[in-house]
Amino acid sequence: MRFRRALRLGRKKAEPAAWCVVGLGNPGEQYSRNRHNAGAWTVNELARRLGTQLKAQGRSIRIGYGEIGGERVALVRPRTYVNESGRAVDQALRACGAELEQTIVVYDELDLPLG
């Protein structure tokens, strides 16, 4: 355990992101085409357009970084179910260094008609 902590202490802290974009969705192939995953689809598309990959960080999130309009942006997809995403979003904010006011959460709105 001490060795792992020493490795973490030796790492340089990444530059904080100006924005953190979190795309909510449910994990698993059985939910991949469910409209509950609209947020995850959006983050995946942003990652593709920015040429970045989302990599697992801990057990709760996948995260990648890109630049939009000259500002560093963190793209996050929780690895939790939508109704359990609070802890994952908290982990994402700590990981990317963005403040709550700099966070955009993308999700489906089931109370509105599709379209």
PDB file of N, CA and C in Angstrom:
ATOM      1  N   MET A   1       0.818  -1.184   0.000  1.00  0.00           N
ATOM      2  CA  MET A   1       0.000   0.000   0.000  1.00  0.00           C
ATOM      3  C   MET A   1       0.866   1.253   0.000  1.00  0.00           C
ATOM      4  N   ARG A   2       1.925   1.243   0.746  1.00  0.00           N
ATOM      5  CA  ARG A   2       2.822   2.403   0.786  1.00  0.00           C
ATOM      6  C   ARG A   2       3.420   2.681  -0.587  1.00  0.00           C
ATOM      7  N   PHE A   3       3.729   1.616  -1.315  1.00  0.00           N
ATOM      8  CA  PHE A   3       4.313   1.773  -2.641  1.00  0.00           C
ATOM      9  C   PHE A   3       3.340   2.503  -3.572  1.00  0.00           C
ATOM     10  N   ARG A   4       2.062   2.103  -3.537  1.00  0.00           N
ATOM     11  CA  ARG A   4       1.058   2.760  -4.381  1.00  0.00           C
ATOM     12  C   ARG A   4       0.911   4.233  -4.022  1.00  0.00           C
ATOM     13  N   ARG A   5       0.904   4.534  -2.741  1.00  0.00           N
ATOM     14  CA  ARG A   5       0.782   5.929  -2.324  1.00  0.00           C
ATOM     15  C   ARG A   5       1.995   6.719  -2.790  1.00  0.00           C
ATOM     16  N   ALA A   6       3.176   6.136  -2.712  1.00  0.00           N
ATOM     17  CA  ALA A   6       4.390   6.815  -3.174  1.00  0.00           C
ATOM     18  C   ALA A   6       4.307   7.096  -4.670  1.00  0.00           C
ATOM     19  N   LEU A   7       3.759   6.159  -5.430  1.00  0.00           N
ATOM     20  CA  LEU A   7       3.593   6.386  -6.868  1.00  0.00           C
ATOM     21  C   LEU A   7       2.648   7.549  -7.132  1.00  0.00           C
ATOM     22  N   ARG A   8       1.541   7.612  -6.391  1.00  0.00           N
ATOM     23  CA  ARG A   8       0.587   8.715  -6.570  1.00  0.00           C
ATOM     24  C   ARG A   8       1.213  10.045  -6.193  1.00  0.00           C
ATOM     25  N   LEU A   9       1.994  10.074  -5.130  1.00  0.00           N
ATOM     26  CA  LEU A   9       2.617  11.318  -4.691  1.00  0.00           C
ATOM     27  C   LEU A   9       3.625  11.819  -5.709  1.00  0.00           C
ATOM     28  N   GLY A  10       4.242  10.899  -6.452  1.00  0.00           N
ATOM     29  CA  GLY A  10       5.236  11.278  -7.442  1.00  0.00           C
ATOM     30  C   GLY A  10       4.647  11.805  -8.741  1.00  0.00           C
ATOM     31  N   ARG A  11       3.359  11.618  -8.946  1.00  0.00           N
ATOM     32  CA  ARG A  11       2.717  12.081 -10.183  1.00  0.00           C
ATOM     33  C   ARG A  11       2.509  13.585 -10.155  1.00  0.00           C
ATOM     34  N   LYS A  12       2.642  14.175 -11.330  1.00  0.00           N
ATOM     35  CA  LYS A  12       2.328  15.593 -11.452  1.00  0.00           C
ATOM     36  C   LYS A  12       0.815  15.735 -11.552  1.00  0.00           C
ATOM     37  N   LYS A  13       0.284  16.714 -10.874  1.00  0.00           N
ATOM     38  CA  LYS A  13      -1.155  16.988 -10.931  1.00  0.00           C
ATOM     39  C   LYS A  13      -1.485  17.543 -12.319  1.00  0.00           C
ATOM     40  N   ALA A  14      -2.477  16.967 -12.956  1.00  0.00           N
ATOM     41  CA  ALA A  14      -2.871  17.417 -14.295  1.00  0.00           C
ATOM     42  C   ALA A  14      -3.476  18.813 -14.219  1.00  0.00           C
ATOM     43  N   GLU A  15      -3.329  19.534 -15.301  1.00  0.00           N
ATOM     44  CA  GLU A  15      -3.934  20.864 -15.405  1.00  0.00           C
ATOM     45  C   GLU A  15      -5.449  20.717 -15.268  1.00  0.00           C
ATOM     46  N   PRO A  16      -6.086  21.537 -14.422  1.00  0.00           N
ATOM     47  CA  PRO A  16      -7.537  21.413 -14.270  1.00  0.00           C
ATOM     48  C   PRO A  16      -8.264  21.738 -15.573  1.00  0.00           C
ATOM     49  N   ALA A  17      -9.382  21.092 -15.768  1.00  0.00           N
ATOM     50  CA  ALA A  17     -10.195  21.339 -16.957  1.00  0.00           C
ATOM     51  C   ALA A  17     -11.039  22.590 -16.744  1.00  0.00           C
ATOM     52  N   ALA A  18     -11.212  23.368 -17.808  1.00  0.00           N
ATOM     53  CA  ALA A  18     -12.086  24.538 -17.740  1.00  0.00           C
ATOM     54  C   ALA A  18     -13.544  24.096 -17.644  1.00  0.00           C
ATOM     55  N   TRP A  19     -13.847  22.961 -18.260  1.00  0.00           N
ATOM     56  CA  TRP A  19     -15.198  22.423 -18.271  1.00  0.00           C
ATOM     57  C   TRP A  19     -15.160  20.920 -18.071  1.00  0.00           C
ATOM     58  N   CYS A  20     -16.196  20.402 -17.429  1.00  0.00           N
ATOM     59  CA  CYS A  20     -16.357  18.961 -17.258  1.00  0.00           C
ATOM     60  C   CYS A  20     -17.719  18.597 -17.845  1.00  0.00           C
ATOM     61  N   VAL A  21     -17.720  17.793 -18.893  1.00  0.00           N
ATOM     62  CA  VAL A  21     -18.958  17.364 -19.547  1.00  0.00           C
ATOM     63  C   VAL A  21     -19.207  15.914 -19.154  1.00  0.00           C
ATOM     64  N   VAL A  22     -20.303  15.678 -18.454  1.00  0.00           N
ATOM     65  CA  VAL A  22     -20.646  14.346 -17.959  1.00  0.00           C
ATOM     66  C   VAL A  22     -21.860  13.845 -18.724  1.00  0.00           C
ATOM     67  N   GLY A  23     -21.720  12.696 -19.361  1.00  0.00           N
ATOM     68  CA  GLY A  23     -22.828  12.105 -20.110  1.00  0.00           C
ATOM     69  C   GLY A  23     -23.393  10.906 -19.381  1.00  0.00           C
ATOM     70  N   LEU A  24     -24.599  11.048 -18.859  1.00  0.00           N
ATOM     71  CA  LEU A  24     -25.216   9.962 -18.102  1.00  0.00           C
ATOM     72  C   LEU A  24     -25.777   8.891 -19.020  1.00  0.00           C
ATOM     73  N   GLY A  25     -25.743   7.668 -18.533  1.00  0.00           N
ATOM     74  CA  GLY A  25     -26.271   6.521 -19.256  1.00  0.00           C
ATOM     75  C   GLY A  25     -26.145   5.289 -18.386  1.00  0.00           C
ATOM     76  N   ASN A  26     -26.754   4.208 -18.808  1.00  0.00           N
ATOM     77  CA  ASN A  26     -26.663   2.953 -18.072  1.00  0.00           C
ATOM     78  C   ASN A  26     -25.627   2.053 -18.723  1.00  0.00           C
ATOM     79  N   PRO A  27     -24.815   1.360 -17.915  1.00  0.00           N
ATOM     80  CA  PRO A  27     -23.803   0.464 -18.479  1.00  0.00           C
ATOM     81  C   PRO A  27     -24.432  -0.833 -18.998  1.00  0.00           C
ATOM     82  N   GLY A  28     -23.743  -1.473 -19.891  1.00  0.00           N
ATOM     83  CA  GLY A  28     -24.180  -2.774 -20.376  1.00  0.00           C
ATOM     84  C   GLY A  28     -24.780  -2.725 -21.766  1.00  0.00           C
ATOM     85  N   GLU A  29     -24.516  -3.773 -22.518  1.00  0.00           N
ATOM     86  CA  GLU A  29     -24.985  -3.877 -23.901  1.00  0.00           C
ATOM     87  C   GLU A  29     -26.513  -3.848 -23.989  1.00  0.00           C
ATOM     88  N   GLN A  30     -27.177  -4.432 -22.998  1.00  0.00           N
ATOM     89  CA  GLN A  30     -28.643  -4.478 -23.037  1.00  0.00           C
ATOM     90  C   GLN A  30     -29.281  -3.088 -22.974  1.00  0.00           C
ATOM     91  N   TYR A  31     -28.528  -2.072 -22.524  1.00  0.00           N
ATOM     92  CA  TYR A  31     -29.052  -0.706 -22.445  1.00  0.00           C
ATOM     93  C   TYR A  31     -28.481   0.213 -23.523  1.00  0.00           C
ATOM     94  N   SER A  32     -27.610  -0.303 -24.362  1.00  0.00           N
ATOM     95  CA  SER A  32     -26.864   0.557 -25.284  1.00  0.00           C
ATOM     96  C   SER A  32     -27.750   1.360 -26.240  1.00  0.00           C
ATOM     97  N   ARG A  33     -28.906   0.839 -26.602  1.00  0.00           N
ATOM     98  CA  ARG A  33     -29.792   1.554 -27.530  1.00  0.00           C
ATOM     99  C   ARG A  33     -30.975   2.222 -26.817  1.00  0.00           C
ATOM    100  N   ASN A  34     -30.958   2.203 -25.515  1.00  0.00           N
ATOM    101  CA  ASN A  34     -32.014   2.815 -24.717  1.00  0.00           C
ATOM    102  C   ASN A  34     -31.825   4.321 -24.683  1.00  0.00           C
ATOM    103  N   ARG A  35     -32.900   5.075 -24.780  1.00  0.00           N
ATOM    104  CA  ARG A  35     -32.754   6.529 -24.827  1.00  0.00           C
ATOM    105  C   ARG A  35     -32.221   7.095 -23.517  1.00  0.00           C
ATOM    106  N   HIS A  36     -32.240   6.302 -22.450  1.00  0.00           N
ATOM    107  CA  HIS A  36     -31.627   6.713 -21.185  1.00  0.00           C
ATOM    108  C   HIS A  36     -30.128   6.985 -21.378  1.00  0.00           C
ATOM    109  N   ASN A  37     -29.554   6.508 -22.463  1.00  0.00           N
ATOM    110  CA  ASN A  37     -28.119   6.659 -22.720  1.00  0.00           C
ATOM    111  C   ASN A  37     -27.781   7.858 -23.592  1.00  0.00           C
ATOM    112  N   ALA A  38     -28.694   8.779 -23.779  1.00  0.00           N
ATOM    113  CA  ALA A  38     -28.442   9.945 -24.637  1.00  0.00           C
ATOM    114  C   ALA A  38     -27.208  10.722 -24.190  1.00  0.00           C
ATOM    115  N   GLY A  39     -27.007  10.863 -22.894  1.00  0.00           N
ATOM    116  CA  GLY A  39     -25.831  11.578 -22.394  1.00  0.00           C
ATOM    117  C   GLY A  39     -24.539  10.857 -22.734  1.00  0.00           C
ATOM    118  N   ALA A  40     -24.533   9.540 -22.569  1.00  0.00           N
ATOM    119  CA  ALA A  40     -23.345   8.750 -22.901  1.00  0.00           C
ATOM    120  C   ALA A  40     -23.057   8.823 -24.395  1.00  0.00           C
ATOM    121  N   TRP A  41     -24.101   8.765 -25.228  1.00  0.00           N
ATOM    122  CA  TRP A  41     -23.905   8.883 -26.682  1.00  0.00           C
ATOM    123  C   TRP A  41     -23.259  10.221 -27.018  1.00  0.00           C
ATOM    124  N   THR A  42     -23.722  11.285 -26.371  1.00  0.00           N
ATOM    125  CA  THR A  42     -23.196  12.626 -26.646  1.00  0.00           C
ATOM    126  C   THR A  42     -21.721  12.719 -26.291  1.00  0.00           C
ATOM    127  N   VAL A  43     -21.346  12.210 -25.125  1.00  0.00           N
ATOM    128  CA  VAL A  43     -19.939  12.255 -24.715  1.00  0.00           C
ATOM    129  C   VAL A  43     -19.089  11.388 -25.637  1.00  0.00           C
ATOM    130  N   ASN A  44     -19.588  10.228 -26.035  1.00  0.00           N
ATOM    131  CA  ASN A  44     -18.840   9.384 -26.977  1.00  0.00           C
ATOM    132  C   ASN A  44     -18.591  10.117 -28.293  1.00  0.00           C
ATOM    133  N   GLU A  45     -19.608  10.817 -28.788  1.00  0.00           N
ATOM    134  CA  GLU A  45     -19.463  11.553 -30.048  1.00  0.00           C
ATOM    135  C   GLU A  45     -18.489  12.716 -29.893  1.00  0.00           C
ATOM    136  N   LEU A  46     -18.555  13.436 -28.787  1.00  0.00           N
ATOM    137  CA  LEU A  46     -17.587  14.513 -28.540  1.00  0.00           C
ATOM    138  C   LEU A  46     -16.167  13.956 -28.501  1.00  0.00           C
ATOM    139  N   ALA A  47     -15.984  12.834 -27.823  1.00  0.00           N
ATOM    140  CA  ALA A  47     -14.655  12.213 -27.749  1.00  0.00           C
ATOM    141  C   ALA A  47     -14.162  11.842 -29.142  1.00  0.00           C
ATOM    142  N   ARG A  48     -15.047  11.287 -29.957  1.00  0.00           N
ATOM    143  CA  ARG A  48     -14.662  10.915 -31.325  1.00  0.00           C
ATOM    144  C   ARG A  48     -14.231  12.152 -32.102  1.00  0.00           C
ATOM    145  N   ARG A  49     -15.018  13.216 -32.021  1.00  0.00           N
ATOM    146  CA  ARG A  49     -14.708  14.437 -32.772  1.00  0.00           C
ATOM    147  C   ARG A  49     -13.439  15.121 -32.280  1.00  0.00           C
ATOM    148  N   LEU A  50     -13.144  14.982 -30.998  1.00  0.00           N
ATOM    149  CA  LEU A  50     -11.931  15.597 -30.447  1.00  0.00           C
ATOM    150  C   LEU A  50     -10.718  14.677 -30.553  1.00  0.00           C
ATOM    151  N   GLY A  51     -10.934  13.451 -31.017  1.00  0.00           N
ATOM    152  CA  GLY A  51      -9.829  12.512 -31.176  1.00  0.00           C
ATOM    153  C   GLY A  51      -9.248  12.036 -29.861  1.00  0.00           C
ATOM    154  N   THR A  52     -10.090  11.875 -28.859  1.00  0.00           N
ATOM    155  CA  THR A  52      -9.614  11.401 -27.562  1.00  0.00           C
ATOM    156  C   THR A  52     -10.343  10.121 -27.177  1.00  0.00           C
ATOM    157  N   GLN A  53      -9.733   9.364 -26.298  1.00  0.00           N
ATOM    158  CA  GLN A  53     -10.340   8.130 -25.811  1.00  0.00           C
ATOM    159  C   GLN A  53     -10.721   8.306 -24.353  1.00  0.00           C
ATOM    160  N   LEU A  54     -11.827   7.689 -23.978  1.00  0.00           N
ATOM    161  CA  LEU A  54     -12.230   7.679 -22.579  1.00  0.00           C
ATOM    162  C   LEU A  54     -11.588   6.463 -21.924  1.00  0.00           C
ATOM    163  N   LYS A  55     -10.836   6.708 -20.869  1.00  0.00           N
ATOM    164  CA  LYS A  55     -10.129   5.627 -20.184  1.00  0.00           C
ATOM    165  C   LYS A  55     -10.680   5.468 -18.779  1.00  0.00           C
ATOM    166  N   ALA A  56     -10.739   4.220 -18.335  1.00  0.00           N
ATOM    167  CA  ALA A  56     -11.241   3.947 -16.990  1.00  0.00           C
ATOM    168  C   ALA A  56     -10.353   4.621 -15.957  1.00  0.00           C
ATOM    169  N   GLN A  57     -11.001   5.267 -15.006  1.00  0.00           N
ATOM    170  CA  GLN A  57     -10.289   5.843 -13.871  1.00  0.00           C
ATOM    171  C   GLN A  57     -11.068   5.427 -12.631  1.00  0.00           C
ATOM    172  N   GLY A  58     -10.476   4.546 -11.874  1.00  0.00           N
ATOM    173  CA  GLY A  58     -11.201   3.991 -10.739  1.00  0.00           C
ATOM    174  C   GLY A  58     -12.318   3.083 -11.226  1.00  0.00           C
ATOM    175  N   ARG A  59     -13.259   2.815 -10.339  1.00  0.00           N
ATOM    176  CA  ARG A  59     -14.347   1.905 -10.690  1.00  0.00           C
ATOM    177  C   ARG A  59     -15.576   2.621 -11.226  1.00  0.00           C
ATOM    178  N   SER A  60     -15.619   3.953 -11.080  1.00  0.00           N
ATOM    179  CA  SER A  60     -16.868   4.656 -11.350  1.00  0.00           C
ATOM    180  C   SER A  60     -16.933   5.458 -12.638  1.00  0.00           C
ATOM    181  N   ILE A  61     -15.783   5.811 -13.231  1.00  0.00           N
ATOM    182  CA  ILE A  61     -15.847   6.696 -14.403  1.00  0.00           C
ATOM    183  C   ILE A  61     -14.876   6.284 -15.499  1.00  0.00           C
ATOM    184  N   ARG A  62     -15.192   6.755 -16.697  1.00  0.00           N
ATOM    185  CA  ARG A  62     -14.276   6.748 -17.837  1.00  0.00           C
ATOM    186  C   ARG A  62     -14.093   8.214 -18.173  1.00  0.00           C
ATOM    187  N   ILE A  63     -12.853   8.642 -18.422  1.00  0.00           N
ATOM    188  CA  ILE A  63     -12.580  10.065 -18.622  1.00  0.00           C
ATOM    189  C   ILE A  63     -11.561  10.270 -19.731  1.00  0.00           C
ATOM    190  N   GLY A  64     -11.730  11.323 -20.474  1.00  0.00           N
ATOM    191  CA  GLY A  64     -10.792  11.717 -21.517  1.00  0.00           C
ATOM    192  C   GLY A  64     -10.751  13.236 -21.581  1.00  0.00           C
ATOM    193  N   TYR A  65      -9.712  13.762 -22.186  1.00  0.00           N
ATOM    194  CA  TYR A  65      -9.540  15.215 -22.246  1.00  0.00           C
ATOM    195  C   TYR A  65      -9.372  15.665 -23.687  1.00  0.00           C
ATOM    196  N   GLY A  66      -9.874  16.839 -23.960  1.00  0.00           N
ATOM    197  CA  GLY A  66      -9.734  17.446 -25.271  1.00  0.00           C
ATOM    198  C   GLY A  66      -9.733  18.949 -25.116  1.00  0.00           C
ATOM    199  N   GLU A  67      -9.750  19.616 -26.246  1.00  0.00           N
ATOM    200  CA  GLU A  67      -9.754  21.075 -26.232  1.00  0.00           C
ATOM    201  C   GLU A  67     -10.856  21.582 -27.148  1.00  0.00           C
ATOM    202  N   ILE A  68     -11.664  22.491 -26.609  1.00  0.00           N
ATOM    203  CA  ILE A  68     -12.727  23.130 -27.382  1.00  0.00           C
ATOM    204  C   ILE A  68     -12.568  24.633 -27.209  1.00  0.00           C
ATOM    205  N   GLY A  69     -12.414  25.333 -28.312  1.00  0.00           N
ATOM    206  CA  GLY A  69     -12.272  26.788 -28.247  1.00  0.00           C
ATOM    207  C   GLY A  69     -11.088  27.237 -27.415  1.00  0.00           C
ATOM    208  N   GLY A  70     -10.024  26.451 -27.424  1.00  0.00           N
ATOM    209  CA  GLY A  70      -8.820  26.806 -26.676  1.00  0.00           C
ATOM    210  C   GLY A  70      -8.884  26.484 -25.193  1.00  0.00           C
ATOM    211  N   GLU A  71      -9.953  25.836 -24.747  1.00  0.00           N
ATOM    212  CA  GLU A  71     -10.077  25.492 -23.331  1.00  0.00           C
ATOM    213  C   GLU A  71     -10.054  23.980 -23.141  1.00  0.00           C
ATOM    214  N   ARG A  72      -9.382  23.548 -22.091  1.00  0.00           N
ATOM    215  CA  ARG A  72      -9.291  22.125 -21.757  1.00  0.00           C
ATOM    216  C   ARG A  72     -10.649  21.644 -21.239  1.00  0.00           C
ATOM    217  N   VAL A  73     -11.119  20.548 -21.816  1.00  0.00           N
ATOM    218  CA  VAL A  73     -12.422  19.997 -21.465  1.00  0.00           C
ATOM    219  C   VAL A  73     -12.251  18.536 -21.069  1.00  0.00           C
ATOM    220  N   ALA A  74     -12.859  18.162 -19.954  1.00  0.00           N
ATOM    221  CA  ALA A  74     -12.889  16.764 -19.530  1.00  0.00           C
ATOM    222  C   ALA A  74     -14.208  16.162 -19.991  1.00  0.00           C
ATOM    223  N   LEU A  75     -14.133  15.012 -20.630  1.00  0.00           N
ATOM    224  CA  LEU A  75     -15.319  14.278 -21.062  1.00  0.00           C
ATOM    225  C   LEU A  75     -15.440  13.062 -20.160  1.00  0.00           C
ATOM    226  N   VAL A  76     -16.582  12.905 -19.531  1.00  0.00           N
ATOM    227  CA  VAL A  76     -16.752  11.853 -18.529  1.00  0.00           C
ATOM    228  C   VAL A  76     -18.009  11.048 -18.816  1.00  0.00           C
ATOM    229  N   ARG A  77     -17.847   9.742 -18.694  1.00  0.00           N
ATOM    230  CA  ARG A  77     -18.987   8.836 -18.774  1.00  0.00           C
ATOM    231  C   ARG A  77     -18.964   7.954 -17.527  1.00  0.00           C
ATOM    232  N   PRO A  78     -19.927   8.140 -16.628  1.00  0.00           N
ATOM    233  CA  PRO A  78     -19.970   7.282 -15.445  1.00  0.00           C
ATOM    234  C   PRO A  78     -20.150   5.817 -15.837  1.00  0.00           C
ATOM    235  N   ARG A  79     -19.613   4.942 -14.997  1.00  0.00           N
ATOM    236  CA  ARG A  79     -19.753   3.507 -15.217  1.00  0.00           C
ATOM    237  C   ARG A  79     -20.822   2.943 -14.288  1.00  0.00           C
ATOM    238  N   THR A  80     -21.689   3.824 -13.814  1.00  0.00           N
ATOM    239  CA  THR A  80     -22.759   3.452 -12.898  1.00  0.00           C
ATOM    240  C   THR A  80     -24.098   3.630 -13.601  1.00  0.00           C
ATOM    241  N   TYR A  81     -25.139   3.097 -12.992  1.00  0.00           N
ATOM    242  CA  TYR A  81     -26.479   3.324 -13.515  1.00  0.00           C
ATOM    243  C   TYR A  81     -26.866   4.774 -13.270  1.00  0.00           C
ATOM    244  N   VAL A  82     -27.753   5.306 -14.104  1.00  0.00           N
ATOM    245  CA  VAL A  82     -28.144   6.711 -14.037  1.00  0.00           C
ATOM    246  C   VAL A  82     -28.583   7.095 -12.626  1.00  0.00           C
ATOM    247  N   ASN A  83     -29.406   6.262 -11.996  1.00  0.00           N
ATOM    248  CA  ASN A  83     -29.914   6.618 -10.677  1.00  0.00           C
ATOM    249  C   ASN A  83     -28.869   6.470  -9.570  1.00  0.00           C
ATOM    250  N   GLU A  84     -27.665   6.044  -9.907  1.00  0.00           N
ATOM    251  CA  GLU A  84     -26.573   5.923  -8.937  1.00  0.00           C
ATOM    252  C   GLU A  84     -25.368   6.757  -9.363  1.00  0.00           C
ATOM    253  N   SER A  85     -25.584   7.780 -10.167  1.00  0.00           N
ATOM    254  CA  SER A  85     -24.468   8.511 -10.774  1.00  0.00           C
ATOM    255  C   SER A  85     -23.875   9.610  -9.900  1.00  0.00           C
ATOM    256  N   GLY A  86     -24.474   9.927  -8.773  1.00  0.00           N
ATOM    257  CA  GLY A  86     -23.983  11.015  -7.927  1.00  0.00           C
ATOM    258  C   GLY A  86     -22.535  10.859  -7.509  1.00  0.00           C
ATOM    259  N   ARG A  87     -22.177   9.685  -7.014  1.00  0.00           N
ATOM    260  CA  ARG A  87     -20.785   9.450  -6.589  1.00  0.00           C
ATOM    261  C   ARG A  87     -19.824   9.511  -7.767  1.00  0.00           C
ATOM    262  N   ALA A  88     -20.269   9.017  -8.907  1.00  0.00           N
ATOM    263  CA  ALA A  88     -19.410   9.051 -10.095  1.00  0.00           C
ATOM    264  C   ALA A  88     -19.158  10.488 -10.541  1.00  0.00           C
ATOM    265  N   VAL A  89     -20.174  11.326 -10.486  1.00  0.00           N
ATOM    266  CA  VAL A  89     -19.998  12.736 -10.860  1.00  0.00           C
ATOM    267  C   VAL A  89     -19.059  13.416  -9.874  1.00  0.00           C
ATOM    268  N   ASP A  90     -19.191  13.113  -8.588  1.00  0.00           N
ATOM    269  CA  ASP A  90     -18.280  13.662  -7.585  1.00  0.00           C
ATOM    270  C   ASP A  90     -16.840  13.250  -7.893  1.00  0.00           C
ATOM    271  N   GLN A  91     -16.632  11.970  -8.217  1.00  0.00           N
ATOM    272  CA  GLN A  91     -15.292  11.492  -8.569  1.00  0.00           C
ATOM    273  C   GLN A  91     -14.782  12.203  -9.818  1.00  0.00           C
ATOM    274  N   ALA A  92     -15.652  12.419 -10.783  1.00  0.00           N
ATOM    275  CA  ALA A  92     -15.254  13.098 -12.022  1.00  0.00           C
ATOM    276  C   ALA A  92     -14.774  14.513 -11.739  1.00  0.00           C
ATOM    277  N   LEU A  93     -15.495  15.242 -10.898  1.00  0.00           N
ATOM    278  CA  LEU A  93     -15.101  16.616 -10.582  1.00  0.00           C
ATOM    279  C   LEU A  93     -13.751  16.649  -9.878  1.00  0.00           C
ATOM    280  N   ARG A  94     -13.528  15.717  -8.970  1.00  0.00           N
ATOM    281  CA  ARG A  94     -12.220  15.658  -8.303  1.00  0.00           C
ATOM    282  C   ARG A  94     -11.116  15.300  -9.293  1.00  0.00           C
ATOM    283  N   ALA A  95     -11.418  14.392 -10.223  1.00  0.00           N
ATOM    284  CA  ALA A  95     -10.404  13.948 -11.182  1.00  0.00           C
ATOM    285  C   ALA A  95     -10.009  15.050 -12.153  1.00  0.00           C
ATOM    286  N   CYS A  96     -10.979  15.823 -12.615  1.00  0.00           N
ATOM    287  CA  CYS A  96     -10.662  16.810 -13.654  1.00  0.00           C
ATOM    288  C   CYS A  96     -10.386  18.198 -13.093  1.00  0.00           C
ATOM    289  N   GLY A  97     -10.663  18.422 -11.821  1.00  0.00           N
ATOM    290  CA  GLY A  97     -10.345  19.708 -11.209  1.00  0.00           C
ATOM    291  C   GLY A  97     -11.320  20.819 -11.529  1.00  0.00           C
ATOM    292  N   ALA A  98     -12.444  20.493 -12.136  1.00  0.00           N
ATOM    293  CA  ALA A  98     -13.445  21.517 -12.463  1.00  0.00           C
ATOM    294  C   ALA A  98     -14.354  21.750 -11.261  1.00  0.00           C
ATOM    295  N   GLU A  99     -14.915  22.927 -11.209  1.00  0.00           N
ATOM    296  CA  GLU A  99     -15.883  23.267 -10.166  1.00  0.00           C
ATOM    297  C   GLU A  99     -17.281  22.863 -10.638  1.00  0.00           C
ATOM    298  N   LEU A 100     -18.206  22.800  -9.713  1.00  0.00           N
ATOM    299  CA  LEU A 100     -19.580  22.446 -10.049  1.00  0.00           C
ATOM    300  C   LEU A 100     -20.158  23.401 -11.093  1.00  0.00           C
ATOM    301  N   GLU A 101     -19.813  24.672 -10.983  1.00  0.00           N
ATOM    302  CA  GLU A 101     -20.307  25.678 -11.929  1.00  0.00           C
ATOM    303  C   GLU A 101     -19.739  25.490 -13.333  1.00  0.00           C
ATOM    304  N   GLN A 102     -18.711  24.687 -13.460  1.00  0.00           N
ATOM    305  CA  GLN A 102     -18.064  24.424 -14.751  1.00  0.00           C
ATOM    306  C   GLN A 102     -18.451  23.048 -15.283  1.00  0.00           C
ATOM    307  N   THR A 103     -19.545  22.507 -14.784  1.00  0.00           N
ATOM    308  CA  THR A 103     -19.957  21.155 -15.130  1.00  0.00           C
ATOM    309  C   THR A 103     -21.237  21.175 -15.951  1.00  0.00           C
ATOM    310  N   ILE A 104     -21.211  20.417 -17.035  1.00  0.00           N
ATOM    311  CA  ILE A 104     -22.390  20.255 -17.886  1.00  0.00           C
ATOM    312  C   ILE A 104     -22.776  18.780 -17.824  1.00  0.00           C
ATOM    313  N   VAL A 105     -23.989  18.502 -17.371  1.00  0.00           N
ATOM    314  CA  VAL A 105     -24.475  17.126 -17.295  1.00  0.00           C
ATOM    315  C   VAL A 105     -25.464  16.922 -18.435  1.00  0.00           C
ATOM    316  N   VAL A 106     -25.177  15.931 -19.281  1.00  0.00           N
ATOM    317  CA  VAL A 106     -26.026  15.635 -20.436  1.00  0.00           C
ATOM    318  C   VAL A 106     -26.822  14.370 -20.114  1.00  0.00           C
ATOM    319  N   TYR A 107     -28.142  14.474 -20.228  1.00  0.00           N
ATOM    320  CA  TYR A 107     -29.007  13.339 -19.914  1.00  0.00           C
ATOM    321  C   TYR A 107     -30.287  13.432 -20.733  1.00  0.00           C
ATOM    322  N   ASP A 108     -31.028  12.338 -20.737  1.00  0.00           N
ATOM    323  CA  ASP A 108     -32.311  12.353 -21.439  1.00  0.00           C
ATOM    324  C   ASP A 108     -33.362  12.976 -20.528  1.00  0.00           C
ATOM    325  N   GLU A 109     -34.368  13.532 -21.125  1.00  0.00           N
ATOM    326  CA  GLU A 109     -35.492  14.098 -20.368  1.00  0.00           C
ATOM    327  C   GLU A 109     -36.725  13.287 -20.739  1.00  0.00           C
ATOM    328  N   LEU A 110     -37.064  12.343 -19.899  1.00  0.00           N
ATOM    329  CA  LEU A 110     -38.165  11.433 -20.220  1.00  0.00           C
ATOM    330  C   LEU A 110     -39.532  12.103 -20.197  1.00  0.00           C
ATOM    331  N   ASP A 111     -39.614  13.293 -19.619  1.00  0.00           N
ATOM    332  CA  ASP A 111     -40.899  13.981 -19.575  1.00  0.00           C
ATOM    333  C   ASP A 111     -41.200  14.742 -20.864  1.00  0.00           C
ATOM    334  N   LEU A 112     -40.240  14.826 -21.752  1.00  0.00           N
ATOM    335  CA  LEU A 112     -40.438  15.522 -23.026  1.00  0.00           C
ATOM    336  C   LEU A 112     -40.580  14.500 -24.149  1.00  0.00           C
ATOM    337  N   PRO A 113     -41.370  14.799 -25.165  1.00  0.00           N
ATOM    338  CA  PRO A 113     -41.466  13.879 -26.295  1.00  0.00           C
ATOM    339  C   PRO A 113     -40.128  13.779 -27.034  1.00  0.00           C
ATOM    340  N   LEU A 114     -39.848  12.612 -27.579  1.00  0.00           N
ATOM    341  CA  LEU A 114     -38.618  12.390 -28.330  1.00  0.00           C
ATOM    342  C   LEU A 114     -38.610  13.271 -29.569  1.00  0.00           C
ATOM    343  N   GLY A 115     -37.453  13.891 -29.836  1.00  0.00           N
ATOM    344  CA  GLY A 115     -37.347  14.696 -31.050  1.00  0.00           C
ATOM    345  C   GLY A 115     -36.688  16.021 -30.849  1.00  0.00           C
TER     346      GLY A 115
END
